[in-house]
């Protein structure tokens, strides 16, 4: 129960891949599913939240066991504000604050 984990999510135009990593960096769970190439910002945010929920449920994790979540996207993102200016492979995801998804995920933890 003391073990801590990190979640990694990679969203691109064809698939959303994700993994759960232990403190040593070893992958303990992975999955992927197709990305909706016509998704807009709110639906992509919902996808990210659903992925995190699925990982937590599938691995019976408690809130305190997740150290952090990394998100990778082929996008122009302001790191400090979480604002997505545009994405190269999901054209409808633009001019949005992805930080909203981060806040929803934080509520899960």
Protein backbone atom coordinates (compact mmCIF):
# COMPACT_ATOMS: atom_id res chain seq x y z
CA UNK A 1 0.00 0.00 0.00
CA UNK A 2 3.00 2.31 0.45
CA UNK A 3 4.09 1.96 -3.17
CA UNK A 4 3.82 5.14 -5.25
CA UNK A 5 3.15 5.44 -8.98
CA UNK A 6 3.23 7.89 -11.85
CA UNK A 7 0.83 7.94 -14.79
CA UNK A 8 1.93 8.81 -18.32
CA UNK A 9 -0.53 9.66 -21.11
CA UNK A 10 0.41 10.22 -24.76
CA UNK A 11 -2.31 11.65 -26.99
CA UNK A 12 -1.81 11.85 -30.74
CA UNK A 13 -4.04 11.81 -33.78
CA UNK A 14 -4.32 8.03 -34.07
CA UNK A 15 -4.12 6.66 -30.54
CA UNK A 16 -4.07 7.56 -26.89
CA UNK A 17 -1.51 5.43 -25.08
CA UNK A 18 -1.08 5.34 -21.33
CA UNK A 19 0.92 3.62 -18.67
CA UNK A 20 1.37 3.29 -14.96
CA UNK A 21 4.94 3.36 -13.67
CA UNK A 22 6.37 2.34 -10.32
CA UNK A 23 8.93 4.42 -8.45
CA UNK A 24 11.76 2.61 -10.20
CA UNK A 25 10.38 3.63 -13.60
CA UNK A 26 9.14 0.14 -14.46
CA UNK A 27 5.87 -0.10 -16.33
CA UNK A 28 3.25 -2.01 -14.38
CA UNK A 29 0.21 -1.32 -16.55
CA UNK A 30 -0.34 -0.08 -20.08
CA UNK A 31 -3.13 0.42 -22.52
CA UNK A 32 -4.22 2.32 -25.57
CA UNK A 33 -7.27 3.14 -27.60
CA UNK A 34 -7.99 5.12 -30.76
CA UNK A 35 -8.05 8.90 -30.48
CA UNK A 36 -11.09 10.68 -31.82
CA UNK A 37 -9.41 12.73 -34.56
CA UNK A 38 -12.31 15.20 -34.61
CA UNK A 39 -12.38 15.68 -30.83
CA UNK A 40 -12.60 19.18 -29.47
CA UNK A 41 -11.06 20.47 -26.26
CA UNK A 42 -13.82 19.44 -23.85
CA UNK A 43 -14.12 15.92 -25.27
CA UNK A 44 -10.34 15.46 -25.17
CA UNK A 45 -10.32 16.63 -21.55
CA UNK A 46 -13.03 14.07 -20.81
CA UNK A 47 -10.95 11.36 -22.48
CA UNK A 48 -7.95 12.22 -20.29
CA UNK A 49 -10.06 12.08 -17.14
CA UNK A 50 -11.55 8.74 -18.22
CA UNK A 51 -8.10 7.28 -18.86
CA UNK A 52 -6.96 8.25 -15.36
CA UNK A 53 -10.14 6.81 -13.83
CA UNK A 54 -9.62 3.56 -15.74
CA UNK A 55 -6.00 3.27 -14.58
CA UNK A 56 -6.92 3.91 -10.95
CA UNK A 57 -9.77 1.41 -11.04
CA UNK A 58 -7.87 -1.32 -12.93
CA UNK A 59 -5.00 -1.13 -10.45
CA UNK A 60 -7.00 -0.56 -7.24
CA UNK A 61 -5.02 2.58 -6.46
CA UNK A 62 -5.71 4.98 -3.66
CA UNK A 63 -5.41 8.73 -4.13
CA UNK A 64 -2.18 9.04 -2.17
CA UNK A 65 -0.41 6.45 -4.29
CA UNK A 66 -0.19 8.65 -7.41
CA UNK A 67 2.78 11.00 -7.37
CA UNK A 68 1.96 12.73 -10.64
CA UNK A 69 0.63 12.54 -14.17
CA UNK A 70 2.53 13.43 -17.33
CA UNK A 71 0.69 14.34 -20.53
CA UNK A 72 2.26 14.43 -23.97
CA UNK A 73 0.51 15.89 -27.02
CA UNK A 74 1.70 17.03 -30.46
CA UNK A 75 0.75 20.60 -29.61
CA UNK A 76 1.85 24.13 -28.97
CA UNK A 77 1.21 24.42 -25.23
CA UNK A 78 2.15 27.13 -22.78
CA UNK A 79 3.68 25.03 -20.02
CA UNK A 80 3.10 27.62 -17.30
CA UNK A 81 -0.60 28.19 -18.01
CA UNK A 82 -1.63 24.88 -19.61
CA UNK A 83 -3.09 26.73 -22.58
CA UNK A 84 -3.19 24.73 -25.83
CA UNK A 85 -2.84 27.02 -28.83
CA UNK A 86 -3.16 24.29 -31.43
CA UNK A 87 -2.50 20.62 -32.06
CA UNK A 88 -1.02 19.21 -35.21
CA UNK A 89 -2.98 15.97 -35.37
CA UNK A 90 -6.28 16.81 -33.65
CA UNK A 91 -7.23 20.07 -35.38
CA UNK A 92 -10.32 20.87 -33.28
CA UNK A 93 -8.26 20.96 -30.08
CA UNK A 94 -7.12 24.57 -30.07
CA UNK A 95 -7.33 27.67 -27.96
CA UNK A 96 -8.29 25.79 -24.80
CA UNK A 97 -6.98 25.49 -21.27
CA UNK A 98 -6.03 21.86 -20.75
CA UNK A 99 -5.55 22.79 -17.11
CA UNK A 100 -9.30 22.13 -16.71
CA UNK A 101 -8.64 18.44 -17.30
CA UNK A 102 -5.83 18.56 -14.75
CA UNK A 103 -8.21 20.04 -12.18
CA UNK A 104 -10.75 17.27 -12.85
CA UNK A 105 -8.04 14.66 -12.47
CA UNK A 106 -6.90 16.26 -9.23
CA UNK A 107 -10.43 15.75 -7.89
CA UNK A 108 -10.06 12.03 -8.61
CA UNK A 109 -6.91 11.88 -6.54
